[in-house]
Amino acid sequence: MRRCRIAHTYKVKIKDFQRMIFTHLLCFILLTMPFAIHKLYNGVTIYHSKDLLRREWKNLSLRIVRILWFANEASGFYIYSLSSKKFRRKFLASILKCEPYWFKVKCRYLPRFIAVN
């Protein structure tokens, strides 16, 4: 009986891990693909003359691509926190453990008397 339960728990953990890795891989592909396309476009059109409007569109697209690139770097935290129940529990426990400290720091800077009109 105990072996079946351990095997079942192990299978559930493996399935959760596979789901988490697949989601992370999908986000990685979707969020880094625009950067590769932008680099390819720049490589192809590097010697073409560009007017001011085309350069501005290129700069705008570069900024959007960079935001997506940085979103890819941050996506791991959100994927792990949303998909892992154990991670969520430990993260919330650490937040709740720090909560009294935050209130002490905040209260230190609040005014002592608040004037009410």
PDB file of N, CA and C in Angstrom:
ATOM      1  N   MET A   1       0.823  -1.190   0.000  1.00  0.00           N
ATOM      2  CA  MET A   1       0.000   0.000   0.000  1.00  0.00           C
ATOM      3  C   MET A   1       0.870   1.258   0.000  1.00  0.00           C
ATOM      4  N   ARG A   2       1.884   1.257   0.861  1.00  0.00           N
ATOM      5  CA  ARG A   2       2.754   2.423   0.958  1.00  0.00           C
ATOM      6  C   ARG A   2       3.538   2.625  -0.335  1.00  0.00           C
ATOM      7  N   ARG A   3       3.986   1.538  -0.958  1.00  0.00           N
ATOM      8  CA  ARG A   3       4.734   1.649  -2.210  1.00  0.00           C
ATOM      9  C   ARG A   3       3.878   2.260  -3.309  1.00  0.00           C
ATOM     10  N   CYS A   4       2.622   1.883  -3.364  1.00  0.00           N
ATOM     11  CA  CYS A   4       1.726   2.444  -4.379  1.00  0.00           C
ATOM     12  C   CYS A   4       1.548   3.941  -4.163  1.00  0.00           C
ATOM     13  N   ARG A   5       1.446   4.329  -2.917  1.00  0.00           N
ATOM     14  CA  ARG A   5       1.265   5.747  -2.612  1.00  0.00           C
ATOM     15  C   ARG A   5       2.515   6.552  -2.979  1.00  0.00           C
ATOM     16  N   ILE A   6       3.685   6.010  -2.671  1.00  0.00           N
ATOM     17  CA  ILE A   6       4.939   6.687  -3.007  1.00  0.00           C
ATOM     18  C   ILE A   6       5.093   6.778  -4.519  1.00  0.00           C
ATOM     19  N   ALA A   7       4.776   5.701  -5.214  1.00  0.00           N
ATOM     20  CA  ALA A   7       4.876   5.713  -6.675  1.00  0.00           C
ATOM     21  C   ALA A   7       3.910   6.731  -7.275  1.00  0.00           C
ATOM     22  N   HIS A   8       2.713   6.806  -6.719  1.00  0.00           N
ATOM     23  CA  HIS A   8       1.733   7.771  -7.218  1.00  0.00           C
ATOM     24  C   HIS A   8       2.216   9.207  -6.981  1.00  0.00           C
ATOM     25  N   THR A   9       2.746   9.466  -5.798  1.00  0.00           N
ATOM     26  CA  THR A   9       3.268  10.803  -5.487  1.00  0.00           C
ATOM     27  C   THR A   9       4.413  11.157  -6.423  1.00  0.00           C
ATOM     28  N   TYR A  10       5.282  10.196  -6.684  1.00  0.00           N
ATOM     29  CA  TYR A  10       6.407  10.424  -7.590  1.00  0.00           C
ATOM     30  C   TYR A  10       5.912  10.749  -8.995  1.00  0.00           C
ATOM     31  N   LYS A  11       4.908  10.020  -9.467  1.00  0.00           N
ATOM     32  CA  LYS A  11       4.358  10.275 -10.803  1.00  0.00           C
ATOM     33  C   LYS A  11       3.715  11.657 -10.885  1.00  0.00           C
ATOM     34  N   VAL A  12       3.030  12.052  -9.832  1.00  0.00           N
ATOM     35  CA  VAL A  12       2.406  13.375  -9.810  1.00  0.00           C
ATOM     36  C   VAL A  12       3.478  14.462  -9.854  1.00  0.00           C
ATOM     37  N   LYS A  13       4.561  14.275  -9.099  1.00  0.00           N
ATOM     38  CA  LYS A  13       5.645  15.262  -9.103  1.00  0.00           C
ATOM     39  C   LYS A  13       6.308  15.344 -10.474  1.00  0.00           C
ATOM     40  N   ILE A  14       6.517  14.203 -11.103  1.00  0.00           N
ATOM     41  CA  ILE A  14       7.120  14.184 -12.440  1.00  0.00           C
ATOM     42  C   ILE A  14       6.207  14.889 -13.432  1.00  0.00           C
ATOM     43  N   LYS A  15       4.910  14.633 -13.334  1.00  0.00           N
ATOM     44  CA  LYS A  15       3.964  15.272 -14.246  1.00  0.00           C
ATOM     45  C   LYS A  15       3.941  16.787 -14.036  1.00  0.00           C
ATOM     46  N   ASP A  16       3.963  17.233 -12.780  1.00  0.00           N
ATOM     47  CA  ASP A  16       4.011  18.669 -12.489  1.00  0.00           C
ATOM     48  C   ASP A  16       5.290  19.294 -13.032  1.00  0.00           C
ATOM     49  N   PHE A  17       6.403  18.591 -12.852  1.00  0.00           N
ATOM     50  CA  PHE A  17       7.684  19.093 -13.343  1.00  0.00           C
ATOM     51  C   PHE A  17       7.681  19.189 -14.866  1.00  0.00           C
ATOM     52  N   GLN A  18       7.143  18.179 -15.532  1.00  0.00           N
ATOM     53  CA  GLN A  18       7.085  18.204 -16.996  1.00  0.00           C
ATOM     54  C   GLN A  18       6.204  19.351 -17.485  1.00  0.00           C
ATOM     55  N   ARG A  19       5.086  19.570 -16.824  1.00  0.00           N
ATOM     56  CA  ARG A  19       4.202  20.672 -17.198  1.00  0.00           C
ATOM     57  C   ARG A  19       4.906  22.016 -17.013  1.00  0.00           C
ATOM     58  N   MET A  20       5.638  22.149 -15.924  1.00  0.00           N
ATOM     59  CA  MET A  20       6.350  23.383 -15.643  1.00  0.00           C
ATOM     60  C   MET A  20       7.451  23.627 -16.682  1.00  0.00           C
ATOM     61  N   ILE A  21       8.204  22.609 -17.015  1.00  0.00           N
ATOM     62  CA  ILE A  21       9.280  22.747 -18.002  1.00  0.00           C
ATOM     63  C   ILE A  21       8.703  23.041 -19.383  1.00  0.00           C
ATOM     64  N   PHE A  22       7.618  22.381 -19.748  1.00  0.00           N
ATOM     65  CA  PHE A  22       6.999  22.637 -21.050  1.00  0.00           C
ATOM     66  C   PHE A  22       6.505  24.079 -21.140  1.00  0.00           C
ATOM     67  N   THR A  23       5.887  24.569 -20.081  1.00  0.00           N
ATOM     68  CA  THR A  23       5.406  25.948 -20.065  1.00  0.00           C
ATOM     69  C   THR A  23       6.565  26.930 -20.160  1.00  0.00           C
ATOM     70  N   HIS A  24       7.633  26.648 -19.436  1.00  0.00           N
ATOM     71  CA  HIS A  24       8.805  27.524 -19.487  1.00  0.00           C
ATOM     72  C   HIS A  24       9.431  27.515 -20.887  1.00  0.00           C
ATOM     73  N   LEU A  25       9.505  26.360 -21.502  1.00  0.00           N
ATOM     74  CA  LEU A  25      10.054  26.257 -22.852  1.00  0.00           C
ATOM     75  C   LEU A  25       9.189  27.010 -23.856  1.00  0.00           C
ATOM     76  N   LEU A  26       7.889  26.880 -23.743  1.00  0.00           N
ATOM     77  CA  LEU A  26       6.974  27.586 -24.640  1.00  0.00           C
ATOM     78  C   LEU A  26       7.115  29.102 -24.476  1.00  0.00           C
ATOM     79  N   CYS A  27       7.188  29.572 -23.248  1.00  0.00           N
ATOM     80  CA  CYS A  27       7.396  31.013 -23.015  1.00  0.00           C
ATOM     81  C   CYS A  27       8.739  31.462 -23.568  1.00  0.00           C
ATOM     82  N   PHE A  28       9.758  30.645 -23.393  1.00  0.00           N
ATOM     83  CA  PHE A  28      11.077  30.997 -23.919  1.00  0.00           C
ATOM     84  C   PHE A  28      11.032  31.162 -25.433  1.00  0.00           C
ATOM     85  N   ILE A  29      10.393  30.236 -26.108  1.00  0.00           N
ATOM     86  CA  ILE A  29      10.312  30.307 -27.574  1.00  0.00           C
ATOM     87  C   ILE A  29       9.507  31.524 -28.008  1.00  0.00           C
ATOM     88  N   LEU A  30       8.359  31.740 -27.388  1.00  0.00           N
ATOM     89  CA  LEU A  30       7.498  32.852 -27.794  1.00  0.00           C
ATOM     90  C   LEU A  30       8.099  34.221 -27.485  1.00  0.00           C
ATOM     91  N   LEU A  31       8.856  34.323 -26.407  1.00  0.00           N
ATOM     92  CA  LEU A  31       9.386  35.623 -26.015  1.00  0.00           C
ATOM     93  C   LEU A  31      10.755  35.937 -26.611  1.00  0.00           C
ATOM     94  N   THR A  32      11.468  34.929 -27.118  1.00  0.00           N
ATOM     95  CA  THR A  32      12.765  35.198 -27.747  1.00  0.00           C
ATOM     96  C   THR A  32      12.699  35.167 -29.267  1.00  0.00           C
ATOM     97  N   MET A  33      11.642  34.638 -29.825  1.00  0.00           N
ATOM     98  CA  MET A  33      11.508  34.592 -31.287  1.00  0.00           C
ATOM     99  C   MET A  33      11.504  35.989 -31.916  1.00  0.00           C
ATOM    100  N   PRO A  34      10.813  36.979 -31.354  1.00  0.00           N
ATOM    101  CA  PRO A  34      10.865  38.317 -31.960  1.00  0.00           C
ATOM    102  C   PRO A  34      12.277  38.892 -32.010  1.00  0.00           C
ATOM    103  N   PHE A  35      13.103  38.584 -31.029  1.00  0.00           N
ATOM    104  CA  PHE A  35      14.479  39.073 -31.040  1.00  0.00           C
ATOM    105  C   PHE A  35      15.252  38.464 -32.209  1.00  0.00           C
ATOM    106  N   ALA A  36      15.072  37.174 -32.439  1.00  0.00           N
ATOM    107  CA  ALA A  36      15.751  36.519 -33.558  1.00  0.00           C
ATOM    108  C   ALA A  36      15.267  37.080 -34.892  1.00  0.00           C
ATOM    109  N   ILE A  37      13.970  37.313 -35.001  1.00  0.00           N
ATOM    110  CA  ILE A  37      13.418  37.878 -36.239  1.00  0.00           C
ATOM    111  C   ILE A  37      13.947  39.295 -36.451  1.00  0.00           C
ATOM    112  N   HIS A  38      14.021  40.067 -35.392  1.00  0.00           N
ATOM    113  CA  HIS A  38      14.533  41.437 -35.495  1.00  0.00           C
ATOM    114  C   HIS A  38      16.000  41.437 -35.925  1.00  0.00           C
ATOM    115  N   LYS A  39      16.804  40.543 -35.365  1.00  0.00           N
ATOM    116  CA  LYS A  39      18.210  40.454 -35.760  1.00  0.00           C
ATOM    117  C   LYS A  39      18.347  40.029 -37.219  1.00  0.00           C
ATOM    118  N   LEU A  40      17.519  39.094 -37.650  1.00  0.00           N
ATOM    119  CA  LEU A  40      17.545  38.651 -39.045  1.00  0.00           C
ATOM    120  C   LEU A  40      17.167  39.800 -39.971  1.00  0.00           C
ATOM    121  N   TYR A  41      16.140  40.543 -39.613  1.00  0.00           N
ATOM    122  CA  TYR A  41      15.710  41.690 -40.416  1.00  0.00           C
ATOM    123  C   TYR A  41      16.815  42.742 -40.498  1.00  0.00           C
ATOM    124  N   ASN A  42      17.466  43.016 -39.373  1.00  0.00           N
ATOM    125  CA  ASN A  42      18.567  43.982 -39.383  1.00  0.00           C
ATOM    126  C   ASN A  42      19.726  43.499 -40.244  1.00  0.00           C
ATOM    127  N   GLY A  43      20.005  42.221 -40.205  1.00  0.00           N
ATOM    128  CA  GLY A  43      21.083  41.681 -41.031  1.00  0.00           C
ATOM    129  C   GLY A  43      20.791  41.778 -42.513  1.00  0.00           C
ATOM    130  N   VAL A  44      19.538  41.598 -42.887  1.00  0.00           N
ATOM    131  CA  VAL A  44      19.155  41.658 -44.303  1.00  0.00           C
ATOM    132  C   VAL A  44      19.112  43.099 -44.794  1.00  0.00           C
ATOM    133  N   THR A  45      18.638  44.015 -43.978  1.00  0.00           N
ATOM    134  CA  THR A  45      18.442  45.402 -44.429  1.00  0.00           C
ATOM    135  C   THR A  45      19.530  46.355 -43.951  1.00  0.00           C
ATOM    136  N   ILE A  46      20.677  45.842 -43.579  1.00  0.00           N
ATOM    137  CA  ILE A  46      21.719  46.710 -43.024  1.00  0.00           C
ATOM    138  C   ILE A  46      22.252  47.708 -44.049  1.00  0.00           C
ATOM    139  N   TYR A  47      22.295  47.343 -45.310  1.00  0.00           N
ATOM    140  CA  TYR A  47      22.864  48.227 -46.327  1.00  0.00           C
ATOM    141  C   TYR A  47      21.813  49.008 -47.108  1.00  0.00           C
ATOM    142  N   HIS A  48      20.536  48.850 -46.762  1.00  0.00           N
ATOM    143  CA  HIS A  48      19.490  49.636 -47.416  1.00  0.00           C
ATOM    144  C   HIS A  48      19.422  51.020 -46.788  1.00  0.00           C
ATOM    145  N   SER A  49      19.179  52.010 -47.639  1.00  0.00           N
ATOM    146  CA  SER A  49      19.037  53.365 -47.092  1.00  0.00           C
ATOM    147  C   SER A  49      17.679  53.479 -46.396  1.00  0.00           C
ATOM    148  N   LYS A  50      17.694  54.137 -45.250  1.00  0.00           N
ATOM    149  CA  LYS A  50      16.468  54.242 -44.452  1.00  0.00           C
ATOM    150  C   LYS A  50      16.155  55.705 -44.199  1.00  0.00           C
ATOM    151  N   ASP A  51      14.904  56.054 -44.404  1.00  0.00           N
ATOM    152  CA  ASP A  51      14.490  57.417 -44.084  1.00  0.00           C
ATOM    153  C   ASP A  51      14.186  57.508 -42.581  1.00  0.00           C
ATOM    154  N   LEU A  52      13.835  58.681 -42.132  1.00  0.00           N
ATOM    155  CA  LEU A  52      13.620  58.922 -40.705  1.00  0.00           C
ATOM    156  C   LEU A  52      12.478  58.068 -40.145  1.00  0.00           C
ATOM    157  N   LEU A  53      11.383  57.966 -40.891  1.00  0.00           N
ATOM    158  CA  LEU A  53      10.236  57.187 -40.425  1.00  0.00           C
ATOM    159  C   LEU A  53      10.599  55.715 -40.250  1.00  0.00           C
ATOM    160  N   ARG A  54      11.336  55.148 -41.198  1.00  0.00           N
ATOM    161  CA  ARG A  54      11.730  53.737 -41.109  1.00  0.00           C
ATOM    162  C   ARG A  54      12.672  53.507 -39.923  1.00  0.00           C
ATOM    163  N   ARG A  55      13.588  54.450 -39.687  1.00  0.00           N
ATOM    164  CA  ARG A  55      14.492  54.315 -38.537  1.00  0.00           C
ATOM    165  C   ARG A  55      13.725  54.377 -37.220  1.00  0.00           C
ATOM    166  N   GLU A  56      12.719  55.244 -37.151  1.00  0.00           N
ATOM    167  CA  GLU A  56      11.921  55.341 -35.926  1.00  0.00           C
ATOM    168  C   GLU A  56      11.110  54.067 -35.688  1.00  0.00           C
ATOM    169  N   TRP A  57      10.550  53.490 -36.746  1.00  0.00           N
ATOM    170  CA  TRP A  57       9.829  52.225 -36.603  1.00  0.00           C
ATOM    171  C   TRP A  57      10.780  51.119 -36.158  1.00  0.00           C
ATOM    172  N   LYS A  58      11.994  51.147 -36.684  1.00  0.00           N
ATOM    173  CA  LYS A  58      12.991  50.150 -36.296  1.00  0.00           C
ATOM    174  C   LYS A  58      13.352  50.305 -34.820  1.00  0.00           C
ATOM    175  N   ASN A  59      13.519  51.545 -34.362  1.00  0.00           N
ATOM    176  CA  ASN A  59      13.824  51.781 -32.947  1.00  0.00           C
ATOM    177  C   ASN A  59      12.668  51.358 -32.040  1.00  0.00           C
ATOM    178  N   LEU A  60      11.436  51.642 -32.466  1.00  0.00           N
ATOM    179  CA  LEU A  60      10.270  51.218 -31.689  1.00  0.00           C
ATOM    180  C   LEU A  60      10.197  49.696 -31.603  1.00  0.00           C
ATOM    181  N   SER A  61      10.412  49.037 -32.729  1.00  0.00           N
ATOM    182  CA  SER A  61      10.365  47.571 -32.713  1.00  0.00           C
ATOM    183  C   SER A  61      11.483  47.002 -31.849  1.00  0.00           C
ATOM    184  N   LEU A  62      12.652  47.634 -31.861  1.00  0.00           N
ATOM    185  CA  LEU A  62      13.751  47.174 -31.011  1.00  0.00           C
ATOM    186  C   LEU A  62      13.388  47.305 -29.535  1.00  0.00           C
ATOM    187  N   ARG A  63      12.733  48.382 -29.169  1.00  0.00           N
ATOM    188  CA  ARG A  63      12.335  48.559 -27.767  1.00  0.00           C
ATOM    189  C   ARG A  63      11.297  47.530 -27.343  1.00  0.00           C
ATOM    190  N   ILE A  64      10.360  47.244 -28.222  1.00  0.00           N
ATOM    191  CA  ILE A  64       9.349  46.226 -27.911  1.00  0.00           C
ATOM    192  C   ILE A  64       9.998  44.860 -27.771  1.00  0.00           C
ATOM    193  N   VAL A  65      10.932  44.561 -28.670  1.00  0.00           N
ATOM    194  CA  VAL A  65      11.637  43.277 -28.624  1.00  0.00           C
ATOM    195  C   VAL A  65      12.450  43.161 -27.336  1.00  0.00           C
ATOM    196  N   ARG A  66      13.066  44.241 -26.908  1.00  0.00           N
ATOM    197  CA  ARG A  66      13.835  44.205 -25.657  1.00  0.00           C
ATOM    198  C   ARG A  66      12.936  43.980 -24.450  1.00  0.00           C
ATOM    199  N   ILE A  67      11.763  44.585 -24.459  1.00  0.00           N
ATOM    200  CA  ILE A  67      10.818  44.358 -23.357  1.00  0.00           C
ATOM    201  C   ILE A  67      10.418  42.887 -23.308  1.00  0.00           C
ATOM    202  N   LEU A  68      10.174  42.295 -24.478  1.00  0.00           N
ATOM    203  CA  LEU A  68       9.835  40.870 -24.516  1.00  0.00           C
ATOM    204  C   LEU A  68      11.007  40.018 -24.035  1.00  0.00           C
ATOM    205  N   TRP A  69      12.219  40.419 -24.390  1.00  0.00           N
ATOM    206  CA  TRP A  69      13.403  39.677 -23.964  1.00  0.00           C
ATOM    207  C   TRP A  69      13.523  39.702 -22.435  1.00  0.00           C
ATOM    208  N   PHE A  70      13.323  40.867 -21.837  1.00  0.00           N
ATOM    209  CA  PHE A  70      13.397  40.961 -20.381  1.00  0.00           C
ATOM    210  C   PHE A  70      12.214  40.252 -19.719  1.00  0.00           C
ATOM    211  N   ALA A  71      11.078  40.237 -20.374  1.00  0.00           N
ATOM    212  CA  ALA A  71       9.931  39.484 -19.849  1.00  0.00           C
ATOM    213  C   ALA A  71      10.251  37.997 -19.826  1.00  0.00           C
ATOM    214  N   ASN A  72      11.029  37.544 -20.799  1.00  0.00           N
ATOM    215  CA  ASN A  72      11.451  36.146 -20.810  1.00  0.00           C
ATOM    216  C   ASN A  72      12.310  35.841 -19.585  1.00  0.00           C
ATOM    217  N   GLU A  73      13.190  36.758 -19.236  1.00  0.00           N
ATOM    218  CA  GLU A  73      14.044  36.541 -18.068  1.00  0.00           C
ATOM    219  C   GLU A  73      13.224  36.479 -16.779  1.00  0.00           C
ATOM    220  N   ALA A  74      12.162  37.242 -16.708  1.00  0.00           N
ATOM    221  CA  ALA A  74      11.339  37.281 -15.498  1.00  0.00           C
ATOM    222  C   ALA A  74      10.261  36.204 -15.484  1.00  0.00           C
ATOM    223  N   SER A  75       9.995  35.589 -16.607  1.00  0.00           N
ATOM    224  CA  SER A  75       8.878  34.644 -16.684  1.00  0.00           C
ATOM    225  C   SER A  75       9.099  33.398 -15.843  1.00  0.00           C
ATOM    226  N   GLY A  76      10.341  33.001 -15.632  1.00  0.00           N
ATOM    227  CA  GLY A  76      10.616  31.800 -14.845  1.00  0.00           C
ATOM    228  C   GLY A  76      10.030  31.871 -13.454  1.00  0.00           C
ATOM    229  N   PHE A  77      10.201  32.998 -12.806  1.00  0.00           N
ATOM    230  CA  PHE A  77       9.661  33.160 -11.455  1.00  0.00           C
ATOM    231  C   PHE A  77       8.154  32.960 -11.444  1.00  0.00           C
ATOM    232  N   TYR A  78       7.467  33.580 -12.383  1.00  0.00           N
ATOM    233  CA  TYR A  78       6.007  33.495 -12.402  1.00  0.00           C
ATOM    234  C   TYR A  78       5.530  32.097 -12.787  1.00  0.00           C
ATOM    235  N   ILE A  79       6.225  31.460 -13.695  1.00  0.00           N
ATOM    236  CA  ILE A  79       5.840  30.099 -14.077  1.00  0.00           C
ATOM    237  C   ILE A  79       5.999  29.162 -12.893  1.00  0.00           C
ATOM    238  N   TYR A  80       7.135  29.238 -12.203  1.00  0.00           N
ATOM    239  CA  TYR A  80       7.364  28.354 -11.069  1.00  0.00           C
ATOM    240  C   TYR A  80       6.400  28.648  -9.926  1.00  0.00           C
ATOM    241  N   SER A  81       6.131  29.919  -9.690  1.00  0.00           N
ATOM    242  CA  SER A  81       5.246  30.252  -8.576  1.00  0.00           C
ATOM    243  C   SER A  81       3.798  29.894  -8.865  1.00  0.00           C
ATOM    244  N   LEU A  82       3.392  29.947 -10.115  1.00  0.00           N
ATOM    245  CA  LEU A  82       2.010  29.602 -10.437  1.00  0.00           C
ATOM    246  C   LEU A  82       1.796  28.100 -10.572  1.00  0.00           C
ATOM    247  N   SER A  83       2.824  27.359 -10.939  1.00  0.00           N
ATOM    248  CA  SER A  83       2.609  25.944 -11.222  1.00  0.00           C
ATOM    249  C   SER A  83       2.984  25.022 -10.068  1.00  0.00           C
ATOM    250  N   SER A  84       3.787  25.456  -9.148  1.00  0.00           N
ATOM    251  CA  SER A  84       4.225  24.584  -8.068  1.00  0.00           C
ATOM    252  C   SER A  84       3.530  24.957  -6.757  1.00  0.00           C
ATOM    253  N   LYS A  85       2.763  24.036  -6.247  1.00  0.00           N
ATOM    254  CA  LYS A  85       2.039  24.284  -4.997  1.00  0.00           C
ATOM    255  C   LYS A  85       3.011  24.422  -3.825  1.00  0.00           C
ATOM    256  N   LYS A  86       4.060  23.616  -3.829  1.00  0.00           N
ATOM    257  CA  LYS A  86       5.047  23.676  -2.758  1.00  0.00           C
ATOM    258  C   LYS A  86       5.770  25.023  -2.761  1.00  0.00           C
ATOM    259  N   PHE A  87       6.131  25.503  -3.940  1.00  0.00           N
ATOM    260  CA  PHE A  87       6.805  26.797  -4.054  1.00  0.00           C
ATOM    261  C   PHE A  87       5.890  27.916  -3.573  1.00  0.00           C
ATOM    262  N   ARG A  88       4.616  27.860  -3.957  1.00  0.00           N
ATOM    263  CA  ARG A  88       3.657  28.888  -3.523  1.00  0.00           C
ATOM    264  C   ARG A  88       3.544  28.928  -2.009  1.00  0.00           C
ATOM    265  N   ARG A  89       3.453  27.760  -1.398  1.00  0.00           N
ATOM    266  CA  ARG A  89       3.318  27.702   0.061  1.00  0.00           C
ATOM    267  C   ARG A  89       4.537  28.310   0.756  1.00  0.00           C
ATOM    268  N   LYS A  90       5.726  27.929   0.302  1.00  0.00           N
ATOM    269  CA  LYS A  90       6.946  28.445   0.934  1.00  0.00           C
ATOM    270  C   LYS A  90       7.109  29.940   0.681  1.00  0.00           C
ATOM    271  N   PHE A  91       6.746  30.394  -0.506  1.00  0.00           N
ATOM    272  CA  PHE A  91       6.857  31.816  -0.823  1.00  0.00           C
ATOM    273  C   PHE A  91       5.909  32.635   0.045  1.00  0.00           C
ATOM    274  N   LEU A  92       4.666  32.190   0.166  1.00  0.00           N
ATOM    275  CA  LEU A  92       3.704  32.909   1.009  1.00  0.00           C
ATOM    276  C   LEU A  92       4.113  32.869   2.477  1.00  0.00           C
ATOM    277  N   ALA A  93       4.688  31.752   2.915  1.00  0.00           N
ATOM    278  CA  ALA A  93       5.152  31.667   4.300  1.00  0.00           C
ATOM    279  C   ALA A  93       6.282  32.656   4.551  1.00  0.00           C
ATOM    280  N   SER A  94       7.179  32.805   3.587  1.00  0.00           N
ATOM    281  CA  SER A  94       8.277  33.761   3.775  1.00  0.00           C
ATOM    282  C   SER A  94       7.759  35.195   3.748  1.00  0.00           C
ATOM    283  N   ILE A  95       6.753  35.475   2.923  1.00  0.00           N
ATOM    284  CA  ILE A  95       6.160  36.817   2.893  1.00  0.00           C
ATOM    285  C   ILE A  95       5.479  37.118   4.229  1.00  0.00           C
ATOM    286  N   LEU A  96       4.725  36.167   4.733  1.00  0.00           N
ATOM    287  CA  LEU A  96       4.018  36.391   5.994  1.00  0.00           C
ATOM    288  C   LEU A  96       4.983  36.513   7.168  1.00  0.00           C
ATOM    289  N   LYS A  97       6.136  35.852   7.065  1.00  0.00           N
ATOM    290  CA  LYS A  97       7.130  35.948   8.124  1.00  0.00           C
ATOM    291  C   LYS A  97       7.751  37.346   8.166  1.00  0.00           C
ATOM    292  N   CYS A  98       7.884  37.988   7.022  1.00  0.00           N
ATOM    293  CA  CYS A  98       8.481  39.328   6.944  1.00  0.00           C
ATOM    294  C   CYS A  98       7.461  40.436   7.194  1.00  0.00           C
ATOM    295  N   GLU A  99       6.195  40.121   7.217  1.00  0.00           N
ATOM    296  CA  GLU A  99       5.149  41.141   7.319  1.00  0.00           C
ATOM    297  C   GLU A  99       5.269  42.019   8.566  1.00  0.00           C
ATOM    298  N   PRO A 100       5.505  41.488   9.761  1.00  0.00           N
ATOM    299  CA  PRO A 100       5.618  42.382  10.926  1.00  0.00           C
ATOM    300  C   PRO A 100       6.759  43.393  10.778  1.00  0.00           C
ATOM    301  N   TYR A 101       7.838  43.007  10.158  1.00  0.00           N
ATOM    302  CA  TYR A 101       8.955  43.928   9.943  1.00  0.00           C
ATOM    303  C   TYR A 101       8.535  45.085   9.053  1.00  0.00           C
ATOM    304  N   TRP A 102       7.775  44.799   8.009  1.00  0.00           N
ATOM    305  CA  TRP A 102       7.324  45.853   7.094  1.00  0.00           C
ATOM    306  C   TRP A 102       6.457  46.873   7.824  1.00  0.00           C
ATOM    307  N   PHE A 103       5.588  46.389   8.700  1.00  0.00           N
ATOM    308  CA  PHE A 103       4.721  47.312   9.419  1.00  0.00           C
ATOM    309  C   PHE A 103       5.522  48.191  10.378  1.00  0.00           C
ATOM    310  N   LYS A 104       6.555  47.646  10.995  1.00  0.00           N
ATOM    311  CA  LYS A 104       7.388  48.453  11.887  1.00  0.00           C
ATOM    312  C   LYS A 104       8.096  49.547  11.102  1.00  0.00           C
ATOM    313  N   VAL A 105       8.603  49.211   9.948  1.00  0.00           N
ATOM    314  CA  VAL A 105       9.326  50.192   9.136  1.00  0.00           C
ATOM    315  C   VAL A 105       8.374  51.257   8.633  1.00  0.00           C
ATOM    316  N   LYS A 106       7.188  50.869   8.175  1.00  0.00           N
ATOM    317  CA  LYS A 106       6.214  51.837   7.678  1.00  0.00           C
ATOM    318  C   LYS A 106       5.768  52.780   8.785  1.00  0.00           C
ATOM    319  N   CYS A 107       5.461  52.242   9.959  1.00  0.00           N
ATOM    320  CA  CYS A 107       4.934  53.057  11.047  1.00  0.00           C
ATOM    321  C   CYS A 107       5.959  54.062  11.545  1.00  0.00           C
ATOM    322  N   ARG A 108       7.210  53.768  11.373  1.00  0.00           N
ATOM    323  CA  ARG A 108       8.249  54.668  11.834  1.00  0.00           C
ATOM    324  C   ARG A 108       8.194  55.996  11.088  1.00  0.00           C
ATOM    325  N   TYR A 109       7.790  55.984   9.833  1.00  0.00           N
ATOM    326  CA  TYR A 109       7.807  57.179   9.012  1.00  0.00           C
ATOM    327  C   TYR A 109       6.453  57.860   8.893  1.00  0.00           C
ATOM    328  N   LEU A 110       5.425  57.318   9.511  1.00  0.00           N
ATOM    329  CA  LEU A 110       4.117  57.956   9.473  1.00  0.00           C
ATOM    330  C   LEU A 110       4.088  59.131  10.447  1.00  0.00           C
ATOM    331  N   PRO A 111       3.344  60.184  10.115  1.00  0.00           N
ATOM    332  CA  PRO A 111       3.252  61.312  11.052  1.00  0.00           C
ATOM    333  C   PRO A 111       2.491  60.898  12.311  1.00  0.00           C
ATOM    334  N   ARG A 112       2.859  61.511  13.432  1.00  0.00           N
ATOM    335  CA  ARG A 112       2.220  61.144  14.697  1.00  0.00           C
ATOM    336  C   ARG A 112       0.808  61.698  14.803  1.00  0.00           C
ATOM    337  N   PHE A 113       0.629  62.886  14.307  1.00  0.00           N
ATOM    338  CA  PHE A 113      -0.687  63.511  14.381  1.00  0.00           C
ATOM    339  C   PHE A 113      -1.177  63.797  12.977  1.00  0.00           C
ATOM    340  N   ILE A 114      -2.378  63.407  12.697  1.00  0.00           N
ATOM    341  CA  ILE A 114      -2.968  63.659  11.386  1.00  0.00           C
ATOM    342  C   ILE A 114      -4.084  64.666  11.582  1.00  0.00           C
ATOM    343  N   ALA A 115      -3.964  65.784  10.913  1.00  0.00           N
ATOM    344  CA  ALA A 115      -4.978  66.831  11.035  1.00  0.00           C
ATOM    345  C   ALA A 115      -6.191  66.460  10.203  1.00  0.00           C
ATOM    346  N   VAL A 116      -7.361  66.509  10.826  1.00  0.00           N
ATOM    347  CA  VAL A 116      -8.602  66.203  10.133  1.00  0.00           C
ATOM    348  C   VAL A 116      -9.395  67.491  10.010  1.00  0.00           C
ATOM    349  N   ASN A 117      -9.787  67.841   8.809  1.00  0.00           N
ATOM    350  CA  ASN A 117     -10.556  69.082   8.590  1.00  0.00           C
ATOM    351  C   ASN A 117     -12.017  68.850   8.774  1.00  0.00           C
TER     352      ASN A 117
END
